[in-house]
Amino acid sequence: MVQMVMSMAGATLAGDSNQLRSGALARKVLGLAIVSSGYAVLLAHGLQHAFGG
């Protein structure tokens, strides 16, 4: 993951528009995955609490 972040930083410095766009897309997808997993944890915890777990 660190390598991916470093490669995105390199793409920004290089100024290559294709790499920059794919890096932005990768960050959006990664952010969506993190937020989705957070909601899944909250939902699972709520269900467990609702059923007396």
C-alpha atoms as a PDB file:
ATOM      1  CA  MET A   1       0.000   0.000   0.000  1.00  0.00           C
ATOM      2  CA  VAL A   2       2.867   2.351   0.784  1.00  0.00           C
ATOM      3  CA  GLN A   3       4.306   1.665  -2.650  1.00  0.00           C
ATOM      4  CA  MET A   4       0.974   2.613  -4.249  1.00  0.00           C
ATOM      5  CA  VAL A   5       0.911   5.919  -2.352  1.00  0.00           C
ATOM      6  CA  MET A   6       4.513   6.617  -3.305  1.00  0.00           C
ATOM      7  CA  SER A   7       3.788   5.866  -6.975  1.00  0.00           C
ATOM      8  CA  MET A   8       0.833   8.259  -6.881  1.00  0.00           C
ATOM      9  CA  ALA A   9       3.092  10.955  -5.426  1.00  0.00           C
ATOM     10  CA  GLY A  10       5.572  10.291  -8.237  1.00  0.00           C
ATOM     11  CA  ALA A  11       2.817  10.590 -10.824  1.00  0.00           C
ATOM     12  CA  THR A  12       1.800  13.941  -9.354  1.00  0.00           C
ATOM     13  CA  LEU A  13       5.352  15.228  -9.520  1.00  0.00           C
ATOM     14  CA  ALA A  14       5.807  13.953 -13.062  1.00  0.00           C
ATOM     15  CA  GLY A  15       2.677  15.744 -14.171  1.00  0.00           C
ATOM     16  CA  ASP A  16       1.537  12.907 -16.435  1.00  0.00           C
ATOM     17  CA  SER A  17      -2.204  13.415 -16.786  1.00  0.00           C
ATOM     18  CA  ASN A  18      -3.044   9.732 -17.357  1.00  0.00           C
ATOM     19  CA  GLN A  19      -1.159   8.612 -14.266  1.00  0.00           C
ATOM     20  CA  LEU A  20      -2.644  11.475 -12.300  1.00  0.00           C
ATOM     21  CA  ARG A  21      -6.195  10.500 -13.288  1.00  0.00           C
ATOM     22  CA  SER A  22      -5.636   6.824 -12.507  1.00  0.00           C
ATOM     23  CA  GLY A  23      -4.115   7.808  -9.168  1.00  0.00           C
ATOM     24  CA  ALA A  24      -7.148   9.935  -8.340  1.00  0.00           C
ATOM     25  CA  LEU A  25      -9.424   7.048  -9.290  1.00  0.00           C
ATOM     26  CA  ALA A  26      -7.394   4.669  -7.115  1.00  0.00           C
ATOM     27  CA  ARG A  27      -7.717   7.046  -4.159  1.00  0.00           C
ATOM     28  CA  LYS A  28     -11.490   7.319  -4.669  1.00  0.00           C
ATOM     29  CA  VAL A  29     -11.866   3.539  -4.871  1.00  0.00           C
ATOM     30  CA  LEU A  30      -9.712   3.072  -1.782  1.00  0.00           C
ATOM     31  CA  GLY A  31     -11.738   5.666   0.108  1.00  0.00           C
ATOM     32  CA  LEU A  32     -14.992   4.008  -0.916  1.00  0.00           C
ATOM     33  CA  ALA A  33     -13.678   0.634   0.269  1.00  0.00           C
ATOM     34  CA  ILE A  34     -12.686   2.083   3.652  1.00  0.00           C
ATOM     35  CA  VAL A  35     -16.025   3.834   4.159  1.00  0.00           C
ATOM     36  CA  SER A  36     -17.971   0.762   3.042  1.00  0.00           C
ATOM     37  CA  SER A  37     -16.079  -1.481   5.439  1.00  0.00           C
ATOM     38  CA  GLY A  38     -16.774   0.991   8.247  1.00  0.00           C
ATOM     39  CA  TYR A  39     -20.498   0.875   7.537  1.00  0.00           C
ATOM     40  CA  ALA A  40     -20.361  -2.928   7.421  1.00  0.00           C
ATOM     41  CA  VAL A  41     -18.740  -3.000  10.889  1.00  0.00           C
ATOM     42  CA  LEU A  42     -21.369  -0.623  12.263  1.00  0.00           C
ATOM     43  CA  LEU A  43     -24.183  -2.683  10.770  1.00  0.00           C
ATOM     44  CA  ALA A  44     -22.754  -5.950  12.107  1.00  0.00           C
ATOM     45  CA  HIS A  45     -22.304  -4.457  15.562  1.00  0.00           C
ATOM     46  CA  GLY A  46     -25.854  -3.078  15.520  1.00  0.00           C
ATOM     47  CA  LEU A  47     -27.309  -6.433  14.494  1.00  0.00           C
ATOM     48  CA  GLN A  48     -25.291  -8.229  17.149  1.00  0.00           C
ATOM     49  CA  HIS A  49     -26.516  -5.769  19.774  1.00  0.00           C
ATOM     50  CA  ALA A  50     -30.125  -6.025  18.568  1.00  0.00           C
ATOM     51  CA  PHE A  51     -30.139  -9.814  18.921  1.00  0.00           C
ATOM     52  CA  GLY A  52     -28.586  -9.744  22.392  1.00  0.00           C
ATOM     53  CA  GLY A  53     -25.046 -10.682  21.445  1.00  0.00           C
END
